[in-house]
């Protein structure tokens, strides 16, 4: 879609920062050491069961608007 990510059920505020992870065949995925640390911590949290459901995340994002 021309470099755009479209969500049917949520509208982001203009200029919002989002992270999109996509896996393509033979495409490199490079991040800075700082971002790698953040991702590894998030993976650790998920492995420990420290997660939030989609509804909870969306509710938090709506409260921040």
PDB file of N, CA and C in Angstrom:
ATOM      1  N   UNK A   1       0.831  -1.193   0.000  1.00  0.00           N
ATOM      2  CA  UNK A   1       0.000   0.000   0.000  1.00  0.00           C
ATOM      3  C   UNK A   1       0.870   1.248   0.000  1.00  0.00           C
ATOM      4  N   UNK A   2       1.827   1.338  -0.833  1.00  0.00           N
ATOM      5  CA  UNK A   2       2.617   2.554  -0.944  1.00  0.00           C
ATOM      6  C   UNK A   2       3.411   2.901   0.288  1.00  0.00           C
ATOM      7  N   UNK A   3       3.879   1.901   1.033  1.00  0.00           N
ATOM      8  CA  UNK A   3       4.672   2.188   2.220  1.00  0.00           C
ATOM      9  C   UNK A   3       3.862   2.559   3.443  1.00  0.00           C
ATOM     10  N   UNK A   4       2.576   2.323   3.425  1.00  0.00           N
ATOM     11  CA  UNK A   4       1.721   2.662   4.559  1.00  0.00           C
ATOM     12  C   UNK A   4       1.215   1.394   5.230  1.00  0.00           C
ATOM     13  N   UNK A   5       1.056   1.470   6.545  1.00  0.00           N
ATOM     14  CA  UNK A   5       0.445   0.391   7.300  1.00  0.00           C
ATOM     15  C   UNK A   5      -0.949   0.866   7.670  1.00  0.00           C
ATOM     16  N   UNK A   6      -1.963   0.087   7.305  1.00  0.00           N
ATOM     17  CA  UNK A   6      -3.347   0.484   7.518  1.00  0.00           C
ATOM     18  C   UNK A   6      -4.003  -0.469   8.509  1.00  0.00           C
ATOM     19  N   UNK A   7      -4.628   0.096   9.551  1.00  0.00           N
ATOM     20  CA  UNK A   7      -5.370  -0.674  10.532  1.00  0.00           C
ATOM     21  C   UNK A   7      -6.842  -0.349  10.339  1.00  0.00           C
ATOM     22  N   UNK A   8      -7.665  -1.378  10.311  1.00  0.00           N
ATOM     23  CA  UNK A   8      -9.092  -1.173  10.116  1.00  0.00           C
ATOM     24  C   UNK A   8      -9.807  -0.667  11.364  1.00  0.00           C
ATOM     25  N   UNK A   9      -9.295  -1.023  12.554  1.00  0.00           N
ATOM     26  CA  UNK A   9     -10.050  -0.722  13.761  1.00  0.00           C
ATOM     27  C   UNK A   9      -9.386   0.268  14.715  1.00  0.00           C
ATOM     28  N   UNK A  10      -8.305   0.913  14.268  1.00  0.00           N
ATOM     29  CA  UNK A  10      -7.658   1.897  15.133  1.00  0.00           C
ATOM     30  C   UNK A  10      -7.024   2.971  14.278  1.00  0.00           C
ATOM     31  N   UNK A  11      -7.191   4.216  14.671  1.00  0.00           N
ATOM     32  CA  UNK A  11      -6.622   5.337  13.932  1.00  0.00           C
ATOM     33  C   UNK A  11      -5.545   5.977  14.800  1.00  0.00           C
ATOM     34  N   UNK A  12      -4.333   6.058  14.276  1.00  0.00           N
ATOM     35  CA  UNK A  12      -3.247   6.689  15.017  1.00  0.00           C
ATOM     36  C   UNK A  12      -3.257   8.186  14.768  1.00  0.00           C
ATOM     37  N   UNK A  13      -2.824   8.926  15.757  1.00  0.00           N
ATOM     38  CA  UNK A  13      -2.712  10.371  15.648  1.00  0.00           C
ATOM     39  C   UNK A  13      -1.618  10.685  14.627  1.00  0.00           C
ATOM     40  N   UNK A  14      -1.819  11.696  13.811  1.00  0.00           N
ATOM     41  CA  UNK A  14      -0.817  12.106  12.822  1.00  0.00           C
ATOM     42  C   UNK A  14       0.528  12.314  13.506  1.00  0.00           C
ATOM     43  N   UNK A  15       1.549  11.684  12.982  1.00  0.00           N
ATOM     44  CA  UNK A  15       2.889  11.812  13.530  1.00  0.00           C
ATOM     45  C   UNK A  15       3.217  10.808  14.621  1.00  0.00           C
ATOM     46  N   UNK A  16       2.267   9.916  14.929  1.00  0.00           N
ATOM     47  CA  UNK A  16       2.511   8.907  15.961  1.00  0.00           C
ATOM     48  C   UNK A  16       3.659   7.997  15.542  1.00  0.00           C
ATOM     49  N   UNK A  17       4.426   7.556  16.507  1.00  0.00           N
ATOM     50  CA  UNK A  17       5.511   6.627  16.249  1.00  0.00           C
ATOM     51  C   UNK A  17       5.030   5.220  16.539  1.00  0.00           C
ATOM     52  N   UNK A  18       5.212   4.335  15.583  1.00  0.00           N
ATOM     53  CA  UNK A  18       4.835   2.936  15.751  1.00  0.00           C
ATOM     54  C   UNK A  18       6.004   2.065  15.325  1.00  0.00           C
ATOM     55  N   UNK A  19       6.030   0.865  15.806  1.00  0.00           N
ATOM     56  CA  UNK A  19       7.037  -0.106  15.402  1.00  0.00           C
ATOM     57  C   UNK A  19       6.331  -1.233  14.675  1.00  0.00           C
ATOM     58  N   UNK A  20       6.800  -1.540  13.494  1.00  0.00           N
ATOM     59  CA  UNK A  20       6.223  -2.607  12.690  1.00  0.00           C
ATOM     60  C   UNK A  20       7.306  -3.648  12.471  1.00  0.00           C
ATOM     61  N   UNK A  21       7.029  -4.855  12.888  1.00  0.00           N
ATOM     62  CA  UNK A  21       7.957  -5.947  12.657  1.00  0.00           C
ATOM     63  C   UNK A  21       7.369  -6.848  11.585  1.00  0.00           C
ATOM     64  N   UNK A  22       8.109  -7.059  10.543  1.00  0.00           N
ATOM     65  CA  UNK A  22       7.656  -7.905   9.458  1.00  0.00           C
ATOM     66  C   UNK A  22       8.795  -8.815   9.037  1.00  0.00           C
ATOM     67  N   UNK A  23       8.466 -10.019   8.672  1.00  0.00           N
ATOM     68  CA  UNK A  23       9.484 -10.961   8.257  1.00  0.00           C
ATOM     69  C   UNK A  23       9.333 -11.215   6.769  1.00  0.00           C
ATOM     70  N   UNK A  24      10.366 -10.918   6.018  1.00  0.00           N
ATOM     71  CA  UNK A  24      10.368 -11.183   4.595  1.00  0.00           C
ATOM     72  C   UNK A  24      11.467 -12.175   4.264  1.00  0.00           C
ATOM     73  N   UNK A  25      11.318 -12.865   3.183  1.00  0.00           N
ATOM     74  CA  UNK A  25      12.318 -13.837   2.779  1.00  0.00           C
ATOM     75  C   UNK A  25      13.641 -13.161   2.488  1.00  0.00           C
ATOM     76  N   UNK A  26      14.675 -13.607   3.177  1.00  0.00           N
ATOM     77  CA  UNK A  26      16.054 -13.155   2.949  1.00  0.00           C
ATOM     78  C   UNK A  26      16.255 -11.656   3.113  1.00  0.00           C
ATOM     79  N   UNK A  27      15.384 -11.004   3.858  1.00  0.00           N
ATOM     80  CA  UNK A  27      15.547  -9.578   4.104  1.00  0.00           C
ATOM     81  C   UNK A  27      16.221  -9.376   5.452  1.00  0.00           C
ATOM     82  N   UNK A  28      17.280  -8.564   5.480  1.00  0.00           N
ATOM     83  CA  UNK A  28      17.953  -8.338   6.765  1.00  0.00           C
ATOM     84  C   UNK A  28      17.079  -7.497   7.698  1.00  0.00           C
ATOM     85  N   UNK A  29      17.297  -7.715   8.978  1.00  0.00           N
ATOM     86  CA  UNK A  29      16.594  -6.941   9.987  1.00  0.00           C
ATOM     87  C   UNK A  29      17.663  -6.390  10.905  1.00  0.00           C
ATOM     88  N   UNK A  30      17.925  -5.102  10.809  1.00  0.00           N
ATOM     89  CA  UNK A  30      18.994  -4.496  11.576  1.00  0.00           C
ATOM     90  C   UNK A  30      18.442  -3.448  12.536  1.00  0.00           C
ATOM     91  N   UNK A  31      18.956  -3.475  13.754  1.00  0.00           N
ATOM     92  CA  UNK A  31      18.573  -2.480  14.751  1.00  0.00           C
ATOM     93  C   UNK A  31      19.827  -2.021  15.468  1.00  0.00           C
ATOM     94  N   UNK A  32      19.727  -0.868  16.103  1.00  0.00           N
ATOM     95  CA  UNK A  32      20.850  -0.347  16.875  1.00  0.00           C
ATOM     96  C   UNK A  32      21.029  -1.206  18.127  1.00  0.00           C
ATOM     97  N   UNK A  33      22.205  -1.141  18.753  1.00  0.00           N
ATOM     98  CA  UNK A  33      22.405  -1.882  20.005  1.00  0.00           C
ATOM     99  C   UNK A  33      21.385  -1.490  21.075  1.00  0.00           C
ATOM    100  N   UNK A  34      21.007  -0.226  21.122  1.00  0.00           N
ATOM    101  CA  UNK A  34      20.026   0.226  22.107  1.00  0.00           C
ATOM    102  C   UNK A  34      18.662  -0.401  21.846  1.00  0.00           C
ATOM    103  N   UNK A  35      18.256  -0.425  20.571  1.00  0.00           N
ATOM    104  CA  UNK A  35      16.962  -1.010  20.225  1.00  0.00           C
ATOM    105  C   UNK A  35      16.979  -2.521  20.460  1.00  0.00           C
ATOM    106  N   UNK A  36      18.127  -3.151  20.196  1.00  0.00           N
ATOM    107  CA  UNK A  36      18.238  -4.586  20.460  1.00  0.00           C
ATOM    108  C   UNK A  36      18.024  -4.869  21.942  1.00  0.00           C
ATOM    109  N   UNK A  37      18.596  -4.035  22.813  1.00  0.00           N
ATOM    110  CA  UNK A  37      18.424  -4.208  24.253  1.00  0.00           C
ATOM    111  C   UNK A  37      16.954  -4.072  24.642  1.00  0.00           C
ATOM    112  N   UNK A  38      16.268  -3.096  24.061  1.00  0.00           N
ATOM    113  CA  UNK A  38      14.840  -2.891  24.346  1.00  0.00           C
ATOM    114  C   UNK A  38      14.043  -4.111  23.890  1.00  0.00           C
ATOM    115  N   UNK A  39      14.335  -4.603  22.693  1.00  0.00           N
ATOM    116  CA  UNK A  39      13.613  -5.768  22.174  1.00  0.00           C
ATOM    117  C   UNK A  39      13.876  -7.009  23.021  1.00  0.00           C
ATOM    118  N   UNK A  40      15.122  -7.221  23.423  1.00  0.00           N
ATOM    119  CA  UNK A  40      15.440  -8.380  24.257  1.00  0.00           C
ATOM    120  C   UNK A  40      14.743  -8.299  25.615  1.00  0.00           C
ATOM    121  N   UNK A  41      14.660  -7.106  26.183  1.00  0.00           N
ATOM    122  CA  UNK A  41      13.943  -6.937  27.444  1.00  0.00           C
ATOM    123  C   UNK A  41      12.456  -7.237  27.257  1.00  0.00           C
ATOM    124  N   UNK A  42      11.880  -6.778  26.153  1.00  0.00           N
ATOM    125  CA  UNK A  42      10.466  -7.041  25.873  1.00  0.00           C
ATOM    126  C   UNK A  42      10.221  -8.537  25.692  1.00  0.00           C
ATOM    127  N   UNK A  43      11.134  -9.225  25.022  1.00  0.00           N
ATOM    128  CA  UNK A  43      11.015 -10.673  24.852  1.00  0.00           C
ATOM    129  C   UNK A  43      11.081 -11.354  26.219  1.00  0.00           C
ATOM    130  N   UNK A  44      11.999 -10.898  27.062  1.00  0.00           N
ATOM    131  CA  UNK A  44      12.106 -11.447  28.410  1.00  0.00           C
ATOM    132  C   UNK A  44      10.828 -11.254  29.204  1.00  0.00           C
ATOM    133  N   UNK A  45      10.235 -10.069  29.113  1.00  0.00           N
ATOM    134  CA  UNK A  45       8.976  -9.797  29.804  1.00  0.00           C
ATOM    135  C   UNK A  45       7.887 -10.746  29.312  1.00  0.00           C
ATOM    136  N   UNK A  46       7.819 -10.934  28.005  1.00  0.00           N
ATOM    137  CA  UNK A  46       6.805 -11.835  27.442  1.00  0.00           C
ATOM    138  C   UNK A  46       7.039 -13.265  27.912  1.00  0.00           C
ATOM    139  N   UNK A  47       8.299 -13.691  27.931  1.00  0.00           N
ATOM    140  CA  UNK A  47       8.612 -15.044  28.389  1.00  0.00           C
ATOM    141  C   UNK A  47       8.260 -15.246  29.860  1.00  0.00           C
ATOM    142  N   UNK A  48       8.305 -14.190  30.651  1.00  0.00           N
ATOM    143  CA  UNK A  48       7.944 -14.267  32.073  1.00  0.00           C
ATOM    144  C   UNK A  48       6.437 -14.099  32.286  1.00  0.00           C
ATOM    145  N   UNK A  49       5.704 -13.903  31.208  1.00  0.00           N
ATOM    146  CA  UNK A  49       4.262 -13.738  31.320  1.00  0.00           C
ATOM    147  C   UNK A  49       3.834 -12.327  31.660  1.00  0.00           C
ATOM    148  N   UNK A  50       4.755 -11.391  31.583  1.00  0.00           N
ATOM    149  CA  UNK A  50       4.449  -9.992  31.892  1.00  0.00           C
ATOM    150  C   UNK A  50       3.940  -9.310  30.624  1.00  0.00           C
ATOM    151  N   UNK A  51       2.719  -9.644  30.269  1.00  0.00           N
ATOM    152  CA  UNK A  51       2.148  -9.128  29.027  1.00  0.00           C
ATOM    153  C   UNK A  51       0.833  -8.416  29.297  1.00  0.00           C
ATOM    154  N   UNK A  52       0.370  -7.685  28.307  1.00  0.00           N
ATOM    155  CA  UNK A  52      -0.926  -7.015  28.373  1.00  0.00           C
ATOM    156  C   UNK A  52      -1.721  -7.437  27.143  1.00  0.00           C
ATOM    157  N   UNK A  53      -2.990  -7.629  27.313  1.00  0.00           N
ATOM    158  CA  UNK A  53      -3.850  -7.994  26.199  1.00  0.00           C
ATOM    159  C   UNK A  53      -4.057  -6.823  25.253  1.00  0.00           C
ATOM    160  N   UNK A  54      -4.438  -7.120  24.059  1.00  0.00           N
ATOM    161  CA  UNK A  54      -4.656  -6.100  23.044  1.00  0.00           C
ATOM    162  C   UNK A  54      -5.650  -5.038  23.475  1.00  0.00           C
ATOM    163  N   UNK A  55      -6.731  -5.460  24.113  1.00  0.00           N
ATOM    164  CA  UNK A  55      -7.736  -4.493  24.569  1.00  0.00           C
ATOM    165  C   UNK A  55      -7.141  -3.524  25.587  1.00  0.00           C
ATOM    166  N   UNK A  56      -6.290  -4.056  26.473  1.00  0.00           N
ATOM    167  CA  UNK A  56      -5.657  -3.220  27.486  1.00  0.00           C
ATOM    168  C   UNK A  56      -4.706  -2.210  26.847  1.00  0.00           C
ATOM    169  N   UNK A  57      -3.942  -2.657  25.882  1.00  0.00           N
ATOM    170  CA  UNK A  57      -2.998  -1.762  25.189  1.00  0.00           C
ATOM    171  C   UNK A  57      -3.751  -0.669  24.449  1.00  0.00           C
ATOM    172  N   UNK A  58      -4.787  -1.038  23.723  1.00  0.00           N
ATOM    173  CA  UNK A  58      -5.566  -0.041  22.983  1.00  0.00           C
ATOM    174  C   UNK A  58      -6.236   0.960  23.926  1.00  0.00           C
ATOM    175  N   UNK A  59      -6.729   0.488  25.063  1.00  0.00           N
ATOM    176  CA  UNK A  59      -7.353   1.394  26.041  1.00  0.00           C
ATOM    177  C   UNK A  59      -6.325   2.385  26.558  1.00  0.00           C
ATOM    178  N   UNK A  60      -5.111   1.914  26.843  1.00  0.00           N
ATOM    179  CA  UNK A  60      -4.047   2.808  27.308  1.00  0.00           C
ATOM    180  C   UNK A  60      -3.687   3.849  26.237  1.00  0.00           C
ATOM    181  N   UNK A  61      -3.605   3.416  24.991  1.00  0.00           N
ATOM    182  CA  UNK A  61      -3.293   4.359  23.914  1.00  0.00           C
ATOM    183  C   UNK A  61      -4.398   5.408  23.779  1.00  0.00           C
ATOM    184  N   UNK A  62      -5.634   4.993  23.922  1.00  0.00           N
ATOM    185  CA  UNK A  62      -6.742   5.955  23.827  1.00  0.00           C
ATOM    186  C   UNK A  62      -6.706   6.963  24.977  1.00  0.00           C
ATOM    187  N   UNK A  63      -6.317   6.501  26.180  1.00  0.00           N
ATOM    188  CA  UNK A  63      -6.217   7.423  27.321  1.00  0.00           C
ATOM    189  C   UNK A  63      -5.130   8.460  27.096  1.00  0.00           C
ATOM    190  N   UNK A  64      -4.097   8.108  26.369  1.00  0.00           N
ATOM    191  CA  UNK A  64      -2.986   9.026  26.126  1.00  0.00           C
ATOM    192  C   UNK A  64      -3.299  10.076  25.079  1.00  0.00           C
ATOM    193  N   UNK A  65      -4.355   9.907  24.330  1.00  0.00           N
ATOM    194  CA  UNK A  65      -4.695  10.845  23.243  1.00  0.00           C
ATOM    195  C   UNK A  65      -5.216  12.125  23.751  1.00  0.00           C
TER     196      UNK A  65
END
